[in-house]
């Protein structure tokens, strides 16, 4: 599976702040060799037919559940939190089962049809890309490594995955799971390392899926253009919540506590801005602060609370800068508000801010932490304007007892998925297609049935049934 790498990279434990793992680093030549092996194995995977591929995916789902304990332990070591690691493993098995149900109809060949030119028959074929490359981030290591890999495998591709170097402890555990599924090890391979390894994955792929920051996504997109392959980018977010005057405050508070704080706010679809109608702003902010204030860090024990550490060391200075900028400009923390160091790791107190303004870094830039600024709005038009005043457009949410109002507001938000009377549903509901707006991404939907289309090209057979075409030369 993962070829032996000569070099290694020290990986930091997010709970202790100390390096405790040596990650193999695959250089460009090693990545190219893995890609060649995948390219050689892919035709047999494709030609074996969809039923055989789905049987392998079904066995993979069972193997994931059989290896659940070891996978959860590895993901917990990677990320410093257990609750979300359990969710990852269980959700991934459910996603595989969903694809098993959906794929036969989606990949069925269309019946031959007559062209508008009477003597021409059209037959359509779906031709998978030989090698699909996947570069995934550190916040949900398992799900975001496989969410693109699985539909690619079902479409008939071989898949080359490079997880984040921050969270790759799970790779050898997952490889042992994959090894139990006949046929799968030949077409699903992992390589590990940092940026140079990722660049080699792009250079050796036929289609590329990247999840990560806007900054890195730009570089990946530019490289994909150079090597002339399609590239699907799922990038950052600064998701907004709009809480209307008639919202169910208790429901909105519960939903937004989860939607902003799950995984310590380290999710691309985390709610990072909250706009509340002025008439209920103070009441809502106080209730949200009370709810968020009851959350505790999962320290010293993994099960002692709900909020894990900041996973990537690079993120802590960004969070600190955003908080300092907000406080300097007049924002106040109703609860939390400080970075702490437990056992050497970086932990942000679950935080609710008020008196924040649209020009603050914590409102404009992706913070990726357990913090939510709450700001007032006067009317519907202002709420929409403020929510859309961003470079991003991943997702968002609207709370109102009037569903027509909620739909109307949602329809004017520049984001790919809008939860109504809930928050961050796009992280749980994977069967609804959506695309990113703004700097949040490019390419086809990674959710829903259309996401399968990213991994094959359409080929048309145009068959003359025996009549001379009228445009032929007369001789």
Protein backbone atom coordinates (compact mmCIF):
# COMPACT_ATOMS: atom_id res chain seq x y z
CA UNK A 1 0.00 0.00 0.00
CA UNK A 2 2.13 2.94 1.17
CA UNK A 3 5.62 2.39 -0.25
CA UNK A 4 8.53 2.77 2.14
CA UNK A 5 9.72 6.36 2.26
CA UNK A 6 13.30 7.27 3.01
CA UNK A 7 12.51 10.58 4.70
CA UNK A 8 10.21 11.27 7.63
CA UNK A 9 8.47 14.31 9.09
CA UNK A 10 7.92 14.85 12.83
CA UNK A 11 4.23 15.29 13.62
CA UNK A 12 2.95 17.26 16.61
CA UNK A 13 0.41 15.85 19.03
CA UNK A 14 -2.38 18.45 19.33
CA UNK A 15 -3.05 17.62 22.98
CA UNK A 16 0.54 17.86 24.19
CA UNK A 17 2.08 20.22 21.65
CA UNK A 18 4.99 17.80 21.31
CA UNK A 19 6.08 15.73 18.30
CA UNK A 20 5.30 12.08 18.87
CA UNK A 21 5.04 10.53 15.41
CA UNK A 22 7.36 10.16 12.43
CA UNK A 23 5.44 10.44 9.18
CA UNK A 24 6.90 8.83 6.04
CA UNK A 25 7.47 11.41 3.32
CA UNK A 26 6.97 10.23 -0.25
CA UNK A 27 9.01 12.12 -2.78
CA UNK A 28 8.03 12.87 -6.37
CA UNK A 29 9.55 9.66 -7.75
CA UNK A 30 7.74 7.51 -5.20
CA UNK A 31 4.42 9.24 -5.88
CA UNK A 32 4.94 8.72 -9.62
CA UNK A 33 5.63 5.03 -9.05
CA UNK A 34 2.42 4.63 -7.02
CA UNK A 35 0.47 6.45 -9.72
CA UNK A 36 1.91 4.15 -12.40
CA UNK A 37 0.80 1.10 -10.42
CA UNK A 38 -2.68 2.59 -10.05
CA UNK A 39 -2.83 3.36 -13.75
CA UNK A 40 -1.92 -0.24 -14.56
CA UNK A 41 -4.55 -1.63 -12.19
CA UNK A 42 -7.39 0.68 -13.20
CA UNK A 43 -8.52 -1.01 -16.45
CA UNK A 44 -9.24 -4.30 -14.66
CA UNK A 45 -11.15 -2.40 -11.95
CA UNK A 46 -13.22 -0.64 -14.61
CA UNK A 47 -13.73 -3.69 -16.84
CA UNK A 48 -14.74 -5.86 -13.91
CA UNK A 49 -18.04 -4.02 -13.95
CA UNK A 50 -20.11 -1.98 -11.56
CA UNK A 51 -21.52 -4.94 -9.58
CA UNK A 52 -17.99 -6.05 -8.68
CA UNK A 53 -16.99 -2.52 -7.71
CA UNK A 54 -20.06 -2.13 -5.51
CA UNK A 55 -19.36 -5.49 -3.88
CA UNK A 56 -15.89 -4.22 -2.98
CA UNK A 57 -17.34 -0.98 -1.60
CA UNK A 58 -19.86 -2.96 0.48
CA UNK A 59 -16.99 -5.05 1.86
CA UNK A 60 -15.09 -1.85 2.56
CA UNK A 61 -18.01 -0.49 4.60
CA UNK A 62 -18.09 -3.68 6.65
CA UNK A 63 -14.32 -3.59 7.10
CA UNK A 64 -14.48 0.01 8.35
CA UNK A 65 -17.02 -1.00 10.98
CA UNK A 66 -14.98 -4.07 11.90
CA UNK A 67 -11.93 -1.83 12.35
CA UNK A 68 -13.93 0.91 14.05
CA UNK A 69 -12.11 0.85 17.39
CA UNK A 70 -8.64 1.11 15.85
CA UNK A 71 -9.73 3.79 13.38
CA UNK A 72 -11.31 5.89 16.13
CA UNK A 73 -8.16 5.57 18.24
CA UNK A 74 -5.95 6.66 15.35
CA UNK A 75 -8.17 9.61 14.44
CA UNK A 76 -8.30 10.62 18.10
CA UNK A 77 -4.51 10.63 18.23
CA UNK A 78 -4.45 12.73 15.07
CA UNK A 79 -6.96 15.34 16.21
CA UNK A 80 -7.04 15.24 20.00
CA UNK A 81 -10.82 14.69 20.13
CA UNK A 82 -12.85 11.49 20.29
CA UNK A 83 -16.52 12.46 19.82
CA UNK A 84 -16.04 13.69 16.27
CA UNK A 85 -13.73 10.75 15.48
CA UNK A 86 -16.53 8.33 16.28
CA UNK A 87 -18.87 10.41 14.11
CA UNK A 88 -16.37 10.25 11.25
CA UNK A 89 -16.09 6.49 11.20
CA UNK A 90 -19.82 5.87 11.49
CA UNK A 91 -20.70 8.53 8.92
CA UNK A 92 -18.20 7.13 6.44
CA UNK A 93 -19.71 3.66 6.61
CA UNK A 94 -23.17 5.17 6.04
CA UNK A 95 -21.88 7.16 3.06
CA UNK A 96 -20.53 4.01 1.42
CA UNK A 97 -23.92 2.35 1.80
CA UNK A 98 -25.64 5.37 0.24
CA UNK A 99 -23.42 5.16 -2.82
CA UNK A 100 -24.13 1.44 -3.15
CA UNK A 101 -27.83 2.26 -3.39
CA UNK A 102 -27.50 5.27 -5.71
CA UNK A 103 -24.77 4.20 -8.14
CA UNK A 104 -26.57 1.63 -10.34
CA UNK A 105 -29.12 4.13 -11.65
CA UNK A 106 -26.53 6.91 -11.94
CA UNK A 107 -24.04 4.84 -13.94
CA UNK A 108 -26.52 2.99 -16.12
CA UNK A 109 -25.98 3.55 -19.83
CA UNK A 110 -28.66 5.61 -21.51
CA UNK A 111 -30.54 3.68 -24.21
CA UNK A 112 -29.44 4.34 -27.79
CA UNK A 113 -31.39 7.14 -29.41
CA UNK A 114 -31.96 8.58 -32.84
CA UNK A 115 -30.26 11.85 -33.70
CA UNK A 116 -32.18 14.73 -35.23
CA UNK A 117 -30.32 13.59 -38.35
CA UNK A 118 -32.45 10.50 -39.11
CA UNK A 119 -29.80 8.00 -40.21
CA UNK A 120 -27.50 8.63 -37.22
CA UNK A 121 -27.86 6.69 -33.98
CA UNK A 122 -26.31 8.00 -30.74
CA UNK A 123 -24.89 5.76 -28.04
CA UNK A 124 -23.48 7.34 -24.89
CA UNK A 125 -20.66 5.96 -22.77
CA UNK A 126 -19.25 7.03 -19.42
CA UNK A 127 -15.45 6.83 -19.42
CA UNK A 128 -13.81 7.14 -15.99
CA UNK A 129 -10.61 9.07 -15.51
CA UNK A 130 -7.79 6.55 -14.95
CA UNK A 131 -6.38 8.12 -11.77
CA UNK A 132 -8.28 10.48 -9.47
CA UNK A 133 -6.09 12.43 -7.07
CA UNK A 134 -7.40 13.51 -3.66
CA UNK A 135 -5.65 15.99 -1.36
CA UNK A 136 -7.44 16.27 1.98
CA UNK A 137 -7.17 18.52 5.07
CA UNK A 138 -6.58 17.97 8.76
CA UNK A 139 -9.92 18.77 10.38
CA UNK A 140 -11.78 15.56 9.40
CA UNK A 141 -8.99 13.27 8.21
CA UNK A 142 -11.01 10.15 7.36
CA UNK A 143 -14.17 11.63 5.87
CA UNK A 144 -12.37 14.19 3.76
CA UNK A 145 -9.92 11.60 2.46
CA UNK A 146 -12.74 9.30 1.33
CA UNK A 147 -15.66 11.60 0.48
CA UNK A 148 -14.22 12.07 -3.02
CA UNK A 149 -12.32 8.79 -3.23
CA UNK A 150 -15.39 6.58 -2.88
CA UNK A 151 -17.48 7.98 -5.77
CA UNK A 152 -14.31 8.00 -7.88
CA UNK A 153 -13.79 4.30 -7.17
CA UNK A 154 -17.42 3.54 -7.96
CA UNK A 155 -17.15 5.42 -11.26
CA UNK A 156 -14.23 3.14 -12.19
CA UNK A 157 -11.21 5.30 -11.33
CA UNK A 158 -8.17 4.27 -9.37
CA UNK A 159 -7.56 6.76 -6.54
CA UNK A 160 -4.41 8.35 -5.12
CA UNK A 161 -4.92 10.08 -1.74
CA UNK A 162 -2.61 12.45 0.12
CA UNK A 163 -3.96 13.37 3.56
CA UNK A 164 -2.73 16.37 5.51
CA UNK A 165 0.69 15.89 7.03
CA UNK A 166 -0.81 17.26 10.27
CA UNK A 167 -3.14 14.27 10.67
CA UNK A 168 -1.83 11.16 8.90
CA UNK A 169 -1.51 8.74 11.83
CA UNK A 170 -4.74 7.11 10.68
CA UNK A 171 -3.27 6.09 7.31
CA UNK A 172 -1.57 2.81 8.28
CA UNK A 173 -4.66 1.79 10.23
CA UNK A 174 -6.92 2.50 7.26
CA UNK A 175 -4.51 0.70 4.94
CA UNK A 176 -4.86 -2.42 7.08
CA UNK A 177 -8.63 -2.11 6.69
CA UNK A 178 -8.31 -1.69 2.92
CA UNK A 179 -6.02 -4.74 2.72
CA UNK A 180 -8.89 -6.97 3.87
CA UNK A 181 -11.03 -6.06 0.83
CA UNK A 182 -10.18 -8.11 -2.27
CA UNK A 183 -9.22 -5.93 -5.22
CA UNK A 184 -9.29 -2.63 -3.35
CA UNK A 185 -5.58 -2.30 -2.41
CA UNK A 186 -4.64 -2.19 -6.10
CA UNK A 187 -6.81 0.86 -6.83
CA UNK A 188 -6.88 2.85 -3.56
CA UNK A 189 -3.46 4.04 -2.46
CA UNK A 190 -2.20 6.60 0.04
CA UNK A 191 0.97 8.67 -0.01
CA UNK A 192 2.04 10.92 2.83
CA UNK A 193 4.11 14.05 3.17
CA UNK A 194 3.84 17.80 2.90
CA UNK A 195 3.49 20.22 0.00
CA UNK A 196 5.95 18.57 -2.38
CA UNK A 197 4.10 15.28 -2.06
CA UNK A 198 0.84 17.05 -2.84
CA UNK A 199 2.35 18.68 -5.90
CA UNK A 200 3.46 15.26 -7.13
CA UNK A 201 -0.10 13.96 -6.67
CA UNK A 202 -1.44 16.75 -8.89
CA UNK A 203 1.19 16.06 -11.53
CA UNK A 204 0.35 12.34 -11.62
CA UNK A 205 -3.45 12.54 -11.61
CA UNK A 206 -6.04 12.79 -14.39
CA UNK A 207 -8.61 14.61 -12.22
CA UNK A 208 -7.96 16.28 -8.87
CA UNK A 209 -10.08 16.97 -5.78
CA UNK A 210 -8.63 19.31 -3.16
CA UNK A 211 -10.05 20.37 0.20
CA UNK A 212 -8.25 23.05 2.17
CA UNK A 213 -7.46 26.72 2.42
CA UNK A 214 -8.04 29.31 -0.27
CA UNK A 215 -4.34 30.10 -0.35
CA UNK A 216 -3.29 26.51 -1.02
CA UNK A 217 -6.29 25.92 -3.26
CA UNK A 218 -5.16 28.70 -5.58
CA UNK A 219 -1.77 27.04 -5.95
CA UNK A 220 -3.35 23.66 -6.57
CA UNK A 221 -5.68 25.15 -9.18
CA UNK A 222 -2.81 26.87 -10.96
CA UNK A 223 -0.78 23.65 -11.03
CA UNK A 224 -3.77 21.66 -12.28
CA UNK A 225 -4.17 24.18 -15.10
CA UNK A 226 -0.49 23.78 -16.00
CA UNK A 227 -0.80 20.00 -16.28
CA UNK A 228 -4.22 20.42 -17.92
CA UNK A 229 -6.45 18.34 -15.67
CA UNK A 230 -9.87 19.20 -14.23
CA UNK A 231 -9.67 20.35 -10.62
CA UNK A 232 -12.46 20.47 -8.02
CA UNK A 233 -11.71 22.79 -5.11
CA UNK A 234 -13.55 22.87 -1.76
CA UNK A 235 -12.00 25.75 0.15
CA UNK A 236 -12.65 27.94 3.16
CA UNK A 237 -15.82 29.42 4.55
CA UNK A 238 -17.10 32.23 6.72
CA UNK A 239 -20.64 30.97 7.08
CA UNK A 240 -23.31 33.33 8.33
CA UNK A 241 -26.43 32.69 10.39
CA UNK A 242 -29.45 35.00 10.16
CA UNK A 243 -31.80 34.87 13.14
CA UNK A 244 -35.07 36.64 12.35
CA UNK A 245 -37.25 38.40 14.91
CA UNK A 246 -39.78 35.56 14.88
CA UNK A 247 -37.20 32.78 15.28
CA UNK A 248 -37.59 30.10 17.92
CA UNK A 249 -34.78 31.35 20.15
CA UNK A 250 -34.30 28.12 22.07
CA UNK A 251 -34.06 26.10 18.88
CA UNK A 252 -31.69 28.59 17.25
CA UNK A 253 -29.45 28.67 20.31
CA UNK A 254 -29.17 24.88 20.40
CA UNK A 255 -28.50 24.61 16.68
CA UNK A 256 -25.92 27.41 16.63
CA UNK A 257 -24.13 26.12 19.70
CA UNK A 258 -23.48 22.94 17.77
CA UNK A 259 -23.01 24.59 14.36
CA UNK A 260 -20.35 26.98 15.61
CA UNK A 261 -18.59 24.88 18.22
CA UNK A 262 -18.53 21.29 16.88
CA UNK A 263 -14.95 20.10 16.36
CA UNK A 264 -13.89 23.24 18.23
CA UNK A 265 -15.11 25.30 15.26
CA UNK A 266 -12.64 23.59 12.96
CA UNK A 267 -15.04 22.82 10.14
CA UNK A 268 -15.34 24.57 6.80
CA UNK A 269 -19.13 24.77 7.28
CA UNK A 270 -18.85 26.11 10.83
CA UNK A 271 -21.05 29.14 11.56
CA UNK A 272 -18.53 31.96 12.03
CA UNK A 273 -20.86 35.01 11.90
CA UNK A 274 -24.30 35.44 13.45
CA UNK A 275 -26.68 38.28 12.52
CA UNK A 276 -29.66 38.64 14.85
CA UNK A 277 -32.66 40.97 14.52
CA UNK A 278 -32.13 43.96 16.75
CA UNK A 279 -35.36 43.37 18.69
CA UNK A 280 -34.08 40.03 20.08
CA UNK A 281 -30.33 40.53 19.82
CA UNK A 282 -29.53 40.99 23.52
CA UNK A 283 -31.83 38.20 24.66
CA UNK A 284 -30.48 35.84 22.01
CA UNK A 285 -26.81 36.70 22.66
CA UNK A 286 -27.24 36.09 26.39
CA UNK A 287 -28.95 32.75 25.79
CA UNK A 288 -26.29 31.67 23.29
CA UNK A 289 -23.50 32.70 25.67
CA UNK A 290 -25.10 30.67 28.46
CA UNK A 291 -25.36 27.63 26.18
CA UNK A 292 -21.82 27.92 24.82
CA UNK A 293 -20.51 28.66 28.31
CA UNK A 294 -21.65 25.23 29.46
CA UNK A 295 -19.31 23.54 27.01
CA UNK A 296 -16.03 22.27 28.41
CA UNK A 297 -12.70 21.24 27.01
CA UNK A 298 -12.11 17.50 26.70
CA UNK A 299 -9.18 17.81 29.11
CA UNK A 300 -7.51 16.25 30.99
CA UNK A 301 -9.54 13.26 29.80
CA UNK A 302 -10.81 12.78 26.25
CA UNK A 303 -14.36 12.40 27.55
CA UNK A 304 -14.29 15.24 30.08
CA UNK A 305 -15.96 17.74 27.75
CA UNK A 306 -17.08 18.53 24.24
CA UNK A 307 -14.44 20.89 22.84
CA UNK A 308 -11.12 19.59 21.59
CA UNK A 309 -7.80 21.34 21.05
CA UNK A 310 -6.71 23.43 18.09
CA UNK A 311 -5.45 20.65 15.86
CA UNK A 312 -2.89 22.44 13.69
CA UNK A 313 -0.22 24.56 15.39
CA UNK A 314 -0.35 27.07 12.52
CA UNK A 315 -3.93 27.95 13.48
CA UNK A 316 -3.35 29.21 17.04
CA UNK A 317 -1.57 32.48 16.04
CA UNK A 318 -4.40 33.24 13.59
CA UNK A 319 -7.00 32.81 16.33
CA UNK A 320 -4.98 35.00 18.71
CA UNK A 321 -4.61 37.72 16.08
CA UNK A 322 -8.33 37.72 15.36
CA UNK A 323 -9.20 38.02 19.06
CA UNK A 324 -6.70 40.79 19.70
CA UNK A 325 -7.97 42.76 16.70
CA UNK A 326 -11.58 42.33 17.86
CA UNK A 327 -10.86 43.45 21.42
CA UNK A 328 -8.82 46.42 20.22
CA UNK A 329 -11.80 47.56 18.13
CA UNK A 330 -14.32 47.23 20.96
CA UNK A 331 -15.68 43.68 20.83
CA UNK A 332 -16.52 41.95 24.12
CA UNK A 333 -16.62 38.30 25.07
CA UNK A 334 -19.85 37.27 26.81
CA UNK A 335 -18.26 33.92 27.54
CA UNK A 336 -14.80 32.49 26.98
CA UNK A 337 -12.51 34.69 24.94
CA UNK A 338 -9.03 33.39 25.66
CA UNK A 339 -6.54 30.92 24.27
CA UNK A 340 -5.37 28.47 26.91
CA UNK A 341 -2.57 25.94 27.08
CA UNK A 342 -3.56 22.62 28.61
CA UNK A 343 -0.77 20.09 28.79
CA UNK A 344 1.17 21.86 26.05
CA UNK A 345 -1.68 21.98 23.52
CA UNK A 346 -3.56 25.06 22.32
CA UNK A 347 -7.22 25.33 23.35
CA UNK A 348 -9.65 28.17 22.78
CA UNK A 349 -12.31 28.74 25.38
CA UNK A 350 -15.73 28.40 23.69
CA UNK A 351 -16.41 32.05 22.91
CA UNK A 352 -19.34 34.32 22.08
CA UNK A 353 -18.52 37.90 21.10
CA UNK A 354 -20.74 40.97 20.93
CA UNK A 355 -20.07 44.53 19.71
CA UNK A 356 -18.20 43.09 16.75
CA UNK A 357 -18.25 44.99 13.47
CA UNK A 358 -18.07 44.03 9.84
CA UNK A 359 -14.51 45.33 9.38
CA UNK A 360 -12.94 43.14 12.08
CA UNK A 361 -10.68 40.28 11.05
CA UNK A 362 -12.79 37.90 13.10
CA UNK A 363 -15.79 38.78 10.93
CA UNK A 364 -14.02 38.90 7.57
CA UNK A 365 -11.37 36.15 7.71
CA UNK A 366 -11.80 32.45 8.38
CA UNK A 367 -10.99 31.91 12.06
CA UNK A 368 -11.55 28.15 12.22
CA UNK A 369 -12.02 28.05 15.98
CA UNK A 370 -14.67 27.86 18.70
CA UNK A 371 -15.73 31.51 18.49
CA UNK A 372 -18.90 33.19 17.22
CA UNK A 373 -19.44 36.96 16.90
CA UNK A 374 -23.11 37.97 17.26
CA UNK A 375 -24.18 41.21 15.56
CA UNK A 376 -27.54 43.00 15.17
CA UNK A 377 -29.44 43.85 11.99
CA UNK A 378 -32.44 46.07 11.42
CA UNK A 379 -34.37 44.57 8.53
CA UNK A 380 -34.25 41.72 6.06
CA UNK A 381 -32.37 43.70 3.44
CA UNK A 382 -29.61 44.59 5.89
CA UNK A 383 -29.31 40.99 7.06
CA UNK A 384 -28.86 39.77 3.49
CA UNK A 385 -26.37 42.52 2.70
CA UNK A 386 -24.26 41.75 5.78
CA UNK A 387 -24.33 37.99 5.21
CA UNK A 388 -23.26 38.45 1.58
CA UNK A 389 -20.50 40.91 2.50
CA UNK A 390 -17.77 38.27 2.34
CA UNK A 391 -15.30 36.69 -0.03
CA UNK A 392 -16.69 33.27 0.84
CA UNK A 393 -19.85 31.38 -0.04
CA UNK A 394 -19.79 27.85 1.28
CA UNK A 395 -22.98 27.58 3.34
CA UNK A 396 -25.11 29.39 5.90
CA UNK A 397 -28.40 29.22 7.80
CA UNK A 398 -31.63 31.11 8.44
CA UNK A 399 -33.94 30.87 11.45
CA UNK A 400 -37.57 31.94 11.20
CA UNK A 401 -40.94 30.43 12.10
CA UNK A 402 -42.18 31.77 8.74
CA UNK A 403 -40.78 29.25 6.25
CA UNK A 404 -41.62 31.45 3.28
CA UNK A 405 -39.56 34.25 4.78
CA UNK A 406 -36.72 31.83 5.49
CA UNK A 407 -36.84 30.51 1.92
CA UNK A 408 -36.91 34.02 0.54
CA UNK A 409 -33.84 35.06 2.53
CA UNK A 410 -32.02 31.82 1.76
CA UNK A 411 -32.64 32.28 -1.95
CA UNK A 412 -30.74 35.56 -1.89
CA UNK A 413 -27.70 34.35 0.05
CA UNK A 414 -24.59 33.73 -2.01
CA UNK A 415 -23.72 30.33 -0.64
CA UNK A 416 -24.05 26.75 -1.78
CA UNK A 417 -26.13 25.22 1.02
CA UNK A 418 -28.49 27.04 3.37
CA UNK A 419 -29.83 25.26 6.45
CA UNK A 420 -33.26 26.47 7.57
CA UNK A 421 -34.05 26.28 11.28
CA UNK A 422 -30.87 24.29 11.80
CA UNK A 423 -27.16 24.91 11.32
CA UNK A 424 -24.29 23.33 9.40
CA UNK A 425 -26.52 20.59 7.98
CA UNK A 426 -24.30 20.26 4.93
CA UNK A 427 -21.80 18.47 7.18
CA UNK A 428 -24.42 15.83 7.98
CA UNK A 429 -26.59 15.72 4.86
CA UNK A 430 -24.41 14.46 2.02
CA UNK A 431 -27.17 13.62 -0.45
CA UNK A 432 -28.06 17.20 -1.41
CA UNK A 433 -26.01 18.64 -4.30
CA UNK A 434 -24.42 22.03 -3.78
CA UNK A 435 -21.62 24.14 -5.22
CA UNK A 436 -19.46 26.76 -3.63
CA UNK A 437 -19.77 30.49 -4.24
CA UNK A 438 -16.96 33.04 -4.17
CA UNK A 439 -13.57 31.95 -2.86
CA UNK A 440 -15.10 28.86 -1.22
CA UNK A 441 -14.40 26.72 -4.22
CA UNK A 442 -14.67 25.77 -7.86
CA UNK A 443 -15.92 22.75 -9.74
CA UNK A 444 -18.76 20.28 -9.48
CA UNK A 445 -20.75 19.39 -6.39
CA UNK A 446 -19.05 16.96 -4.03
CA UNK A 447 -22.44 16.25 -2.43
CA UNK A 448 -25.44 14.45 -3.81
CA UNK A 449 -25.85 12.28 -6.88
CA UNK A 450 -24.21 14.74 -9.33
CA UNK A 451 -20.88 14.40 -7.50
CA UNK A 452 -20.31 11.13 -9.36
CA UNK A 453 -20.15 13.05 -12.64
CA UNK A 454 -16.82 14.59 -11.66
CA UNK A 455 -15.06 11.28 -12.22
CA UNK A 456 -16.00 10.32 -15.76
CA UNK A 457 -16.11 11.90 -19.20
CA UNK A 458 -18.94 11.40 -21.64
CA UNK A 459 -18.12 9.71 -24.93
CA UNK A 460 -20.60 9.64 -27.80
CA UNK A 461 -20.69 6.94 -30.48
CA UNK A 462 -22.27 8.47 -33.58
CA UNK A 463 -23.28 5.55 -35.78
CA UNK A 464 -24.22 5.90 -39.42
CA UNK A 465 -26.74 3.13 -40.10
CA UNK A 466 -25.95 2.76 -43.78
CA UNK A 467 -27.13 5.84 -45.61
CA UNK A 468 -24.88 8.36 -47.37
CA UNK A 469 -24.65 11.56 -45.41
CA UNK A 470 -25.89 14.57 -47.38
CA UNK A 471 -22.73 16.56 -46.69
CA UNK A 472 -20.39 14.03 -48.31
CA UNK A 473 -18.57 15.10 -51.47
CA UNK A 474 -20.25 14.05 -54.71
CA UNK A 475 -17.84 12.20 -56.98
